[in-house]
C-alpha atoms as a PDB file:
ATOM      1  CA  MET A   1      -2.766 173.996 176.806  1.00  0.00           C
ATOM      2  CA  ASP A   2      -3.555 177.326 175.175  1.00  0.00           C
ATOM      3  CA  ARG A   3      -5.793 177.659 172.135  1.00  0.00           C
ATOM      4  CA  GLU A   4      -2.972 178.281 169.645  1.00  0.00           C
ATOM      5  CA  SER A   5      -0.889 175.277 170.703  1.00  0.00           C
ATOM      6  CA  ALA A   6      -4.030 173.096 170.704  1.00  0.00           C
ATOM      7  CA  TYR A   7      -4.708 174.291 167.143  1.00  0.00           C
ATOM      8  CA  TRP A   8      -1.239 173.202 165.934  1.00  0.00           C
ATOM      9  CA  ILE A   9      -1.332 169.911 167.836  1.00  0.00           C
ATOM     10  CA  SER A  10      -4.663 169.102 166.179  1.00  0.00           C
ATOM     11  CA  LYS A  11      -3.920 170.425 162.664  1.00  0.00           C
ATOM     12  CA  LEU A  12      -0.519 168.739 162.420  1.00  0.00           C
ATOM     13  CA  ASN A  13      -1.699 165.565 164.205  1.00  0.00           C
ATOM     14  CA  LEU A  14       1.128 165.849 166.750  1.00  0.00           C
ATOM     15  CA  GLN A  15       1.669 163.039 169.261  1.00  0.00           C
ATOM     16  CA  LYS A  16       3.435 162.976 172.652  1.00  0.00           C
ATOM     17  CA  HIS A  17       7.218 162.622 172.384  1.00  0.00           C
ATOM     18  CA  PRO A  18       9.260 160.559 174.908  1.00  0.00           C
ATOM     19  CA  GLU A  19      11.557 163.531 175.622  1.00  0.00           C
ATOM     20  CA  GLY A  20       8.609 165.918 176.196  1.00  0.00           C
ATOM     21  CA  GLY A  21       6.441 167.994 173.900  1.00  0.00           C
ATOM     22  CA  TYR A  22       4.610 166.845 170.778  1.00  0.00           C
ATOM     23  CA  PHE A  23       5.843 165.750 167.349  1.00  0.00           C
ATOM     24  CA  ILE A  24       5.109 164.121 164.038  1.00  0.00           C
ATOM     25  CA  GLU A  25       7.489 162.955 161.364  1.00  0.00           C
ATOM     26  CA  SER A  26       6.962 165.203 158.331  1.00  0.00           C
ATOM     27  CA  TYR A  27       9.631 163.754 156.031  1.00  0.00           C
ATOM     28  CA  LYS A  28      11.741 160.629 155.585  1.00  0.00           C
ATOM     29  CA  SER A  29      13.965 160.302 152.528  1.00  0.00           C
ATOM     30  CA  GLU A  30      13.527 157.191 150.425  1.00  0.00           C
ATOM     31  CA  GLU A  31      17.257 156.898 149.867  1.00  0.00           C
ATOM     32  CA  LEU A  32      19.409 155.119 152.451  1.00  0.00           C
ATOM     33  CA  VAL A  33      23.044 155.712 153.332  1.00  0.00           C
ATOM     34  CA  ASN A  34      25.624 153.365 154.861  1.00  0.00           C
ATOM     35  CA  ILE A  35      27.977 155.053 157.331  1.00  0.00           C
ATOM     36  CA  SER A  36      30.366 153.084 159.534  1.00  0.00           C
ATOM     37  CA  LYS A  37      29.273 154.591 162.884  1.00  0.00           C
ATOM     38  CA  TYR A  38      25.731 153.223 162.406  1.00  0.00           C
ATOM     39  CA  ASP A  39      24.915 149.534 162.794  1.00  0.00           C
ATOM     40  CA  GLU A  40      22.812 149.459 159.619  1.00  0.00           C
ATOM     41  CA  PRO A  41      21.750 151.820 156.804  1.00  0.00           C
ATOM     42  CA  ARG A  42      19.918 155.034 157.742  1.00  0.00           C
ATOM     43  CA  HIS A  43      17.642 157.279 155.727  1.00  0.00           C
ATOM     44  CA  VAL A  44      19.655 160.149 154.279  1.00  0.00           C
ATOM     45  CA  CYS A  45      17.422 162.668 156.081  1.00  0.00           C
ATOM     46  CA  THR A  46      14.342 162.879 158.316  1.00  0.00           C
ATOM     47  CA  ALA A  47      12.333 165.835 159.620  1.00  0.00           C
ATOM     48  CA  ILE A  48       9.690 166.425 162.278  1.00  0.00           C
ATOM     49  CA  TYR A  49       7.392 169.166 163.486  1.00  0.00           C
ATOM     50  CA  TYR A  50       7.972 169.625 167.217  1.00  0.00           C
ATOM     51  CA  LEU A  51       5.925 171.672 169.672  1.00  0.00           C
ATOM     52  CA  LEU A  52       6.732 172.583 173.265  1.00  0.00           C
ATOM     53  CA  GLU A  53       4.292 174.462 175.442  1.00  0.00           C
ATOM     54  CA  GLY A  54       4.358 176.269 178.767  1.00  0.00           C
ATOM     55  CA  ASP A  55       6.436 174.560 181.429  1.00  0.00           C
ATOM     56  CA  ASP A  56       7.088 171.425 179.380  1.00  0.00           C
ATOM     57  CA  PHE A  57      10.607 170.837 178.083  1.00  0.00           C
ATOM     58  CA  SER A  58      12.640 168.617 175.831  1.00  0.00           C
ATOM     59  CA  SER A  59      14.637 166.513 178.275  1.00  0.00           C
ATOM     60  CA  PHE A  60      18.409 166.222 177.891  1.00  0.00           C
ATOM     61  CA  HIS A  61      19.216 163.678 175.215  1.00  0.00           C
ATOM     62  CA  ILE A  62      22.000 162.781 172.799  1.00  0.00           C
ATOM     63  CA  MET A  63      22.041 161.586 169.195  1.00  0.00           C
ATOM     64  CA  LYS A  64      24.545 160.083 166.765  1.00  0.00           C
ATOM     65  CA  SER A  65      23.441 162.455 163.971  1.00  0.00           C
ATOM     66  CA  ASP A  66      23.498 166.224 163.607  1.00  0.00           C
ATOM     67  CA  GLU A  67      20.127 167.919 164.157  1.00  0.00           C
ATOM     68  CA  ILE A  68      19.077 171.256 162.673  1.00  0.00           C
ATOM     69  CA  TRP A  69      16.348 173.173 164.518  1.00  0.00           C
ATOM     70  CA  HIS A  70      14.124 175.605 162.568  1.00  0.00           C
ATOM     71  CA  PHE A  71      11.904 178.159 164.333  1.00  0.00           C
ATOM     72  CA  TYR A  72       8.374 178.523 162.919  1.00  0.00           C
ATOM     73  CA  ILE A  73       5.942 180.253 165.266  1.00  0.00           C
ATOM     74  CA  GLY A  74       5.188 181.029 168.905  1.00  0.00           C
ATOM     75  CA  SER A  75       7.528 182.262 171.631  1.00  0.00           C
ATOM     76  CA  ARG A  76      11.291 182.101 171.757  1.00  0.00           C
ATOM     77  CA  LEU A  77      12.779 178.731 172.715  1.00  0.00           C
ATOM     78  CA  THR A  78      16.188 178.101 174.287  1.00  0.00           C
ATOM     79  CA  LEU A  79      18.394 175.157 173.375  1.00  0.00           C
ATOM     80  CA  TYR A  80      20.776 174.106 176.173  1.00  0.00           C
ATOM     81  CA  ILE A  81      23.688 172.313 174.510  1.00  0.00           C
ATOM     82  CA  ILE A  82      26.453 170.619 176.497  1.00  0.00           C
ATOM     83  CA  GLU A  83      29.350 169.837 174.191  1.00  0.00           C
ATOM     84  CA  PRO A  84      31.499 166.730 174.788  1.00  0.00           C
ATOM     85  CA  ASN A  85      34.200 168.910 176.436  1.00  0.00           C
ATOM     86  CA  GLY A  86      31.609 170.227 178.948  1.00  0.00           C
ATOM     87  CA  ARG A  87      31.200 173.669 177.397  1.00  0.00           C
ATOM     88  CA  LEU A  88      27.611 174.937 177.667  1.00  0.00           C
ATOM     89  CA  ARG A  89      26.131 176.742 174.690  1.00  0.00           C
ATOM     90  CA  LEU A  90      22.753 178.483 174.805  1.00  0.00           C
ATOM     91  CA  VAL A  91      20.916 179.122 171.554  1.00  0.00           C
ATOM     92  CA  ARG A  92      17.804 181.316 171.429  1.00  0.00           C
ATOM     93  CA  LEU A  93      15.471 180.240 168.624  1.00  0.00           C
ATOM     94  CA  GLY A  94      13.015 182.971 167.665  1.00  0.00           C
ATOM     95  CA  HIS A  95      12.098 185.631 165.122  1.00  0.00           C
ATOM     96  CA  ASN A  96      13.738 188.680 166.708  1.00  0.00           C
ATOM     97  CA  ILE A  97      17.166 188.661 165.071  1.00  0.00           C
ATOM     98  CA  ASP A  98      17.869 192.165 166.475  1.00  0.00           C
ATOM     99  CA  LYS A  99      17.623 190.730 170.009  1.00  0.00           C
ATOM    100  CA  GLY A 100      20.018 187.864 169.334  1.00  0.00           C
ATOM    101  CA  HIS A 101      17.527 185.225 168.270  1.00  0.00           C
ATOM    102  CA  THR A 102      18.275 182.854 165.426  1.00  0.00           C
ATOM    103  CA  ILE A 103      15.734 181.116 163.237  1.00  0.00           C
ATOM    104  CA  GLN A 104      17.941 178.078 162.640  1.00  0.00           C
ATOM    105  CA  ALA A 105      20.533 176.272 164.775  1.00  0.00           C
ATOM    106  CA  THR A 106      22.543 173.075 164.554  1.00  0.00           C
ATOM    107  CA  VAL A 107      23.196 170.638 167.386  1.00  0.00           C
ATOM    108  CA  LYS A 108      26.220 168.523 166.486  1.00  0.00           C
ATOM    109  CA  SER A 109      26.155 164.785 167.092  1.00  0.00           C
ATOM    110  CA  GLY A 110      27.600 163.758 170.451  1.00  0.00           C
ATOM    111  CA  CYS A 111      26.255 166.813 172.330  1.00  0.00           C
ATOM    112  CA  TRP A 112      23.757 166.483 175.158  1.00  0.00           C
ATOM    113  CA  PHE A 113      20.914 168.954 174.705  1.00  0.00           C
ATOM    114  CA  ALA A 114      17.562 170.062 176.061  1.00  0.00           C
ATOM    115  CA  ALA A 115      15.071 172.775 175.106  1.00  0.00           C
ATOM    116  CA  ALA A 116      12.421 174.904 176.810  1.00  0.00           C
ATOM    117  CA  VAL A 117       9.997 177.678 175.883  1.00  0.00           C
ATOM    118  CA  ASP A 118      11.149 180.965 177.404  1.00  0.00           C
ATOM    119  CA  ASN A 119       7.595 182.312 177.922  1.00  0.00           C
ATOM    120  CA  HIS A 120       5.839 179.763 180.136  1.00  0.00           C
ATOM    121  CA  ASN A 121       2.438 181.143 179.090  1.00  0.00           C
ATOM    122  CA  SER A 122       3.058 180.287 175.449  1.00  0.00           C
ATOM    123  CA  TYR A 123       4.403 177.618 173.097  1.00  0.00           C
ATOM    124  CA  SER A 124       7.045 177.153 170.390  1.00  0.00           C
ATOM    125  CA  LEU A 125       6.530 175.312 167.117  1.00  0.00           C
ATOM    126  CA  VAL A 126       9.783 174.278 165.481  1.00  0.00           C
ATOM    127  CA  GLY A 127      11.056 171.816 162.941  1.00  0.00           C
ATOM    128  CA  CYS A 128      13.950 169.412 163.446  1.00  0.00           C
ATOM    129  CA  THR A 129      15.897 167.954 160.537  1.00  0.00           C
ATOM    130  CA  VAL A 130      18.272 165.047 161.183  1.00  0.00           C
ATOM    131  CA  SER A 131      20.952 163.712 158.843  1.00  0.00           C
ATOM    132  CA  PRO A 132      21.666 160.841 158.583  1.00  0.00           C
ATOM    133  CA  GLY A 133      18.036 160.314 159.442  1.00  0.00           C
ATOM    134  CA  PHE A 134      16.667 159.817 162.931  1.00  0.00           C
ATOM    135  CA  ASP A 135      16.448 156.319 164.372  1.00  0.00           C
ATOM    136  CA  TYR A 136      15.561 155.610 168.022  1.00  0.00           C
ATOM    137  CA  LYS A 137      18.614 153.301 168.166  1.00  0.00           C
ATOM    138  CA  ASP A 138      20.801 156.422 167.805  1.00  0.00           C
ATOM    139  CA  TRP A 139      18.961 158.468 170.466  1.00  0.00           C
ATOM    140  CA  LYS A 140      19.295 158.284 174.228  1.00  0.00           C
ATOM    141  CA  LEU A 141      17.506 160.147 177.009  1.00  0.00           C
ATOM    142  CA  GLY A 142      19.799 161.523 179.690  1.00  0.00           C
ATOM    143  CA  ASP A 143      20.004 160.040 183.156  1.00  0.00           C
ATOM    144  CA  MET A 144      20.288 162.752 185.819  1.00  0.00           C
ATOM    145  CA  LYS A 145      22.849 160.904 187.938  1.00  0.00           C
ATOM    146  CA  THR A 146      25.084 160.004 184.977  1.00  0.00           C
ATOM    147  CA  LEU A 147      24.927 163.477 183.420  1.00  0.00           C
ATOM    148  CA  THR A 148      25.668 165.160 186.755  1.00  0.00           C
ATOM    149  CA  LYS A 149      28.782 162.978 187.156  1.00  0.00           C
ATOM    150  CA  LEU A 150      29.923 163.842 183.629  1.00  0.00           C
ATOM    151  CA  PHE A 151      29.156 167.566 183.920  1.00  0.00           C
ATOM    152  CA  PRO A 152      28.998 168.573 187.618  1.00  0.00           C
ATOM    153  CA  GLN A 153      29.337 172.247 186.649  1.00  0.00           C
ATOM    154  CA  HIS A 154      25.874 172.035 185.019  1.00  0.00           C
ATOM    155  CA  LYS A 155      24.098 170.166 187.845  1.00  0.00           C
ATOM    156  CA  SER A 156      21.276 172.716 188.299  1.00  0.00           C
ATOM    157  CA  LEU A 157      20.522 172.795 184.565  1.00  0.00           C
ATOM    158  CA  ILE A 158      20.668 168.988 184.283  1.00  0.00           C
ATOM    159  CA  THR A 159      18.351 168.638 187.288  1.00  0.00           C
ATOM    160  CA  LYS A 160      15.883 171.131 185.789  1.00  0.00           C
ATOM    161  CA  TYR A 161      15.807 169.569 182.311  1.00  0.00           C
ATOM    162  CA  THR A 162      16.127 165.826 182.930  1.00  0.00           C
ATOM    163  CA  ARG A 163      13.094 163.663 183.598  1.00  0.00           C
ATOM    164  CA  PRO A 164      13.101 160.975 186.282  1.00  0.00           C
ATOM    165  CA  SER A 165      14.319 157.606 185.002  1.00  0.00           C
ATOM    166  CA  SER A 166      10.826 156.206 185.584  1.00  0.00           C
ATOM    167  CA  TYR A 167       9.338 158.640 183.033  1.00  0.00           C
ATOM    168  CA  HIS A 168       7.873 156.852 180.008  1.00  0.00           C
ATOM    169  CA  ILE A 169       5.451 157.704 177.230  1.00  0.00           C
ATOM    170  CA  SER A 170       3.188 154.834 176.236  1.00  0.00           C
END
């Protein structure tokens, strides 16, 4: 852990996340919404701070809600998004717009996605906004075997960015 990432982890009171990295919920709307694809009402919107450092990564996962990623500080981060049809989309989150970075990106519901810091000697601090709001019931970590069967053309990427099924955060 470098000094800058340790600073943000401490100052923002970030905790380990089950998919990798560190996070803390920074916002949860008071208002609830009822939408038929959810088993019960959800908060209209939630947001987190999320930090990845070095060789750590956000393991492939899927959600029922759309998620908007916002780049704040640190090194460029890549989102690896596998759409339901199998198309792979790479999004570079960072500050250098002239080099093709974007400071905000949306991952649509139903896509499998992972993320990693491009400079393994650094970190990325981002924000993630989810609407309807995040609920662990609507989130699922990817299983390497299952994902490889679904998307054999992305086997090397899935292998690189999927944690063993025995991986747990307590």
